[in-house]
Amino acid sequence: RKDGRTFLMEINPRLGGGAVASVHAGADIPAMIISEMFGRRPAPVVPKADVLIKRYFEETVFYEA
């Protein structure tokens, strides 16, 4: 916006699995939502440098004997 304010809009009513990456990188979206719920202004986002997040998925299959 021209007035310098930042707006956060989440269309999906849930936080996706990648939200944890945002939190670790400095954008604590759950804390922002809670702040707004109580009528407080969310803390400014301070991006963190040198953050590496690795995720993997493991599948375990069980067969009936």
N, C-alpha and C. Protein backbone atom coordinates (compact mmCIF):
# COMPACT_ATOMS: atom_id res chain seq x y z
N ARG A 1 0.82 -1.18 0.00
CA ARG A 1 0.00 0.00 0.00
C ARG A 1 0.86 1.24 0.00
N LYS A 2 0.32 2.30 -0.49
CA LYS A 2 1.05 3.56 -0.56
C LYS A 2 1.35 4.15 0.81
N ASP A 3 0.52 3.81 1.81
CA ASP A 3 0.74 4.38 3.15
C ASP A 3 1.79 3.59 3.94
N GLY A 4 2.37 2.55 3.34
CA GLY A 4 3.43 1.79 3.99
C GLY A 4 2.96 0.67 4.89
N ARG A 5 1.65 0.50 5.05
CA ARG A 5 1.15 -0.57 5.90
C ARG A 5 1.18 -1.89 5.14
N THR A 6 1.44 -2.96 5.86
CA THR A 6 1.46 -4.29 5.28
C THR A 6 0.25 -5.06 5.76
N PHE A 7 -0.37 -5.78 4.87
CA PHE A 7 -1.52 -6.59 5.22
C PHE A 7 -1.20 -8.05 4.93
N LEU A 8 -1.65 -8.91 5.81
CA LEU A 8 -1.49 -10.33 5.63
C LEU A 8 -2.88 -10.92 5.43
N MET A 9 -3.06 -11.66 4.35
CA MET A 9 -4.36 -12.25 4.08
C MET A 9 -4.16 -13.74 3.83
N GLU A 10 -4.86 -14.55 4.57
CA GLU A 10 -4.80 -16.00 4.39
C GLU A 10 -6.17 -16.46 3.94
N ILE A 11 -6.24 -16.99 2.74
CA ILE A 11 -7.50 -17.45 2.20
C ILE A 11 -7.88 -18.79 2.81
N ASN A 12 -6.92 -19.69 2.91
CA ASN A 12 -7.18 -21.01 3.45
C ASN A 12 -7.36 -20.90 4.96
N PRO A 13 -8.41 -21.49 5.53
CA PRO A 13 -8.65 -21.34 6.97
C PRO A 13 -7.72 -22.14 7.86
N ARG A 14 -6.76 -22.81 7.30
CA ARG A 14 -5.80 -23.56 8.11
C ARG A 14 -4.39 -23.16 7.70
N LEU A 15 -3.46 -23.40 8.59
CA LEU A 15 -2.06 -23.16 8.24
C LEU A 15 -1.53 -24.42 7.58
N GLY A 16 -0.90 -24.27 6.46
CA GLY A 16 -0.37 -25.41 5.74
C GLY A 16 0.90 -25.94 6.41
N GLY A 17 1.36 -27.06 5.93
CA GLY A 17 2.54 -27.69 6.49
C GLY A 17 3.79 -26.86 6.35
N GLY A 18 3.82 -25.96 5.39
CA GLY A 18 5.00 -25.11 5.20
C GLY A 18 5.05 -23.91 6.12
N ALA A 19 4.00 -23.70 6.93
CA ALA A 19 3.97 -22.54 7.83
C ALA A 19 5.13 -22.56 8.81
N VAL A 20 5.58 -23.76 9.18
CA VAL A 20 6.69 -23.86 10.12
C VAL A 20 7.96 -23.21 9.54
N ALA A 21 8.12 -23.28 8.23
CA ALA A 21 9.28 -22.64 7.59
C ALA A 21 9.19 -21.13 7.75
N SER A 22 8.01 -20.56 7.60
CA SER A 22 7.83 -19.12 7.78
C SER A 22 8.14 -18.70 9.21
N VAL A 23 7.70 -19.49 10.17
CA VAL A 23 7.95 -19.16 11.58
C VAL A 23 9.45 -19.14 11.85
N HIS A 24 10.15 -20.16 11.40
CA HIS A 24 11.60 -20.23 11.64
C HIS A 24 12.37 -19.15 10.88
N ALA A 25 11.80 -18.67 9.79
CA ALA A 25 12.46 -17.61 9.02
C ALA A 25 12.13 -16.22 9.53
N GLY A 26 11.26 -16.14 10.56
CA GLY A 26 10.99 -14.85 11.18
C GLY A 26 9.57 -14.35 11.09
N ALA A 27 8.71 -15.01 10.33
CA ALA A 27 7.31 -14.59 10.21
C ALA A 27 6.44 -15.54 11.01
N ASP A 28 6.24 -15.23 12.28
CA ASP A 28 5.47 -16.09 13.18
C ASP A 28 3.98 -15.87 12.93
N ILE A 29 3.47 -16.50 11.90
CA ILE A 29 2.09 -16.28 11.48
C ILE A 29 1.08 -16.66 12.57
N PRO A 30 1.25 -17.78 13.29
CA PRO A 30 0.29 -18.06 14.37
C PRO A 30 0.26 -16.96 15.43
N ALA A 31 1.42 -16.42 15.79
CA ALA A 31 1.45 -15.32 16.77
C ALA A 31 0.78 -14.07 16.21
N MET A 32 0.92 -13.82 14.91
CA MET A 32 0.26 -12.67 14.28
C MET A 32 -1.26 -12.82 14.37
N ILE A 33 -1.75 -14.02 14.11
CA ILE A 33 -3.19 -14.26 14.14
C ILE A 33 -3.72 -14.06 15.57
N ILE A 34 -2.99 -14.57 16.55
CA ILE A 34 -3.43 -14.42 17.94
C ILE A 34 -3.41 -12.95 18.35
N SER A 35 -2.38 -12.21 17.96
CA SER A 35 -2.32 -10.78 18.28
C SER A 35 -3.52 -10.04 17.72
N GLU A 36 -3.83 -10.31 16.45
CA GLU A 36 -4.97 -9.65 15.83
C GLU A 36 -6.28 -10.05 16.49
N MET A 37 -6.37 -11.30 16.94
CA MET A 37 -7.58 -11.76 17.61
C MET A 37 -7.85 -10.95 18.88
N PHE A 38 -6.79 -10.55 19.57
CA PHE A 38 -6.94 -9.76 20.79
C PHE A 38 -6.87 -8.26 20.53
N GLY A 39 -6.92 -7.87 19.26
CA GLY A 39 -6.95 -6.45 18.91
C GLY A 39 -5.61 -5.75 19.01
N ARG A 40 -4.55 -6.51 19.06
CA ARG A 40 -3.21 -5.92 19.12
C ARG A 40 -2.56 -5.96 17.75
N ARG A 41 -1.67 -5.04 17.53
CA ARG A 41 -0.93 -5.02 16.28
C ARG A 41 0.17 -6.09 16.33
N PRO A 42 0.26 -6.93 15.31
CA PRO A 42 1.31 -7.96 15.31
C PRO A 42 2.70 -7.34 15.30
N ALA A 43 3.63 -8.05 15.90
CA ALA A 43 5.03 -7.58 15.90
C ALA A 43 5.54 -7.54 14.47
N PRO A 44 6.42 -6.59 14.15
CA PRO A 44 6.96 -6.54 12.80
C PRO A 44 7.78 -7.79 12.48
N VAL A 45 7.76 -8.16 11.23
CA VAL A 45 8.53 -9.33 10.79
C VAL A 45 9.98 -8.92 10.63
N VAL A 46 10.85 -9.66 11.29
CA VAL A 46 12.29 -9.44 11.16
C VAL A 46 12.86 -10.71 10.54
N PRO A 47 13.15 -10.67 9.24
CA PRO A 47 13.65 -11.88 8.58
C PRO A 47 14.96 -12.35 9.21
N LYS A 48 15.09 -13.66 9.36
CA LYS A 48 16.30 -14.25 9.90
C LYS A 48 17.17 -14.75 8.74
N ALA A 49 18.44 -14.47 8.84
CA ALA A 49 19.38 -14.92 7.80
C ALA A 49 19.94 -16.28 8.17
N ASP A 50 20.45 -16.96 7.19
CA ASP A 50 21.14 -18.24 7.39
C ASP A 50 20.26 -19.29 8.06
N VAL A 51 19.02 -19.38 7.62
CA VAL A 51 18.10 -20.40 8.14
C VAL A 51 17.97 -21.48 7.08
N LEU A 52 18.20 -22.71 7.47
CA LEU A 52 18.05 -23.84 6.56
C LEU A 52 17.08 -24.82 7.19
N ILE A 53 16.04 -25.13 6.48
CA ILE A 53 15.05 -26.07 6.98
C ILE A 53 14.96 -27.22 5.99
N LYS A 54 15.11 -28.41 6.49
CA LYS A 54 14.99 -29.59 5.64
C LYS A 54 13.83 -30.42 6.16
N ARG A 55 13.01 -30.86 5.25
CA ARG A 55 11.87 -31.70 5.61
C ARG A 55 11.91 -32.95 4.75
N TYR A 56 11.40 -34.02 5.32
CA TYR A 56 11.28 -35.23 4.54
C TYR A 56 10.07 -36.00 5.04
N PHE A 57 9.57 -36.81 4.20
CA PHE A 57 8.42 -37.63 4.54
C PHE A 57 8.85 -39.09 4.45
N GLU A 58 8.42 -39.85 5.42
CA GLU A 58 8.76 -41.26 5.44
C GLU A 58 7.46 -42.06 5.47
N GLU A 59 7.40 -43.05 4.66
CA GLU A 59 6.22 -43.89 4.64
C GLU A 59 6.54 -45.24 5.24
N THR A 60 5.65 -45.74 6.05
CA THR A 60 5.79 -47.07 6.63
C THR A 60 4.58 -47.87 6.20
N VAL A 61 4.84 -49.04 5.67
CA VAL A 61 3.75 -49.89 5.17
C VAL A 61 3.68 -51.15 6.01
N PHE A 62 2.48 -51.48 6.45
CA PHE A 62 2.26 -52.70 7.22
C PHE A 62 1.36 -53.62 6.39
N TYR A 63 1.73 -54.86 6.31
CA TYR A 63 0.91 -55.85 5.61
C TYR A 63 0.32 -56.80 6.63
N GLU A 64 -0.93 -57.13 6.40
CA GLU A 64 -1.60 -58.08 7.30
C GLU A 64 -1.02 -59.46 7.08
N ALA A 65 -0.67 -60.13 8.16
CA ALA A 65 -0.05 -61.46 8.06
C ALA A 65 -1.07 -62.54 7.80
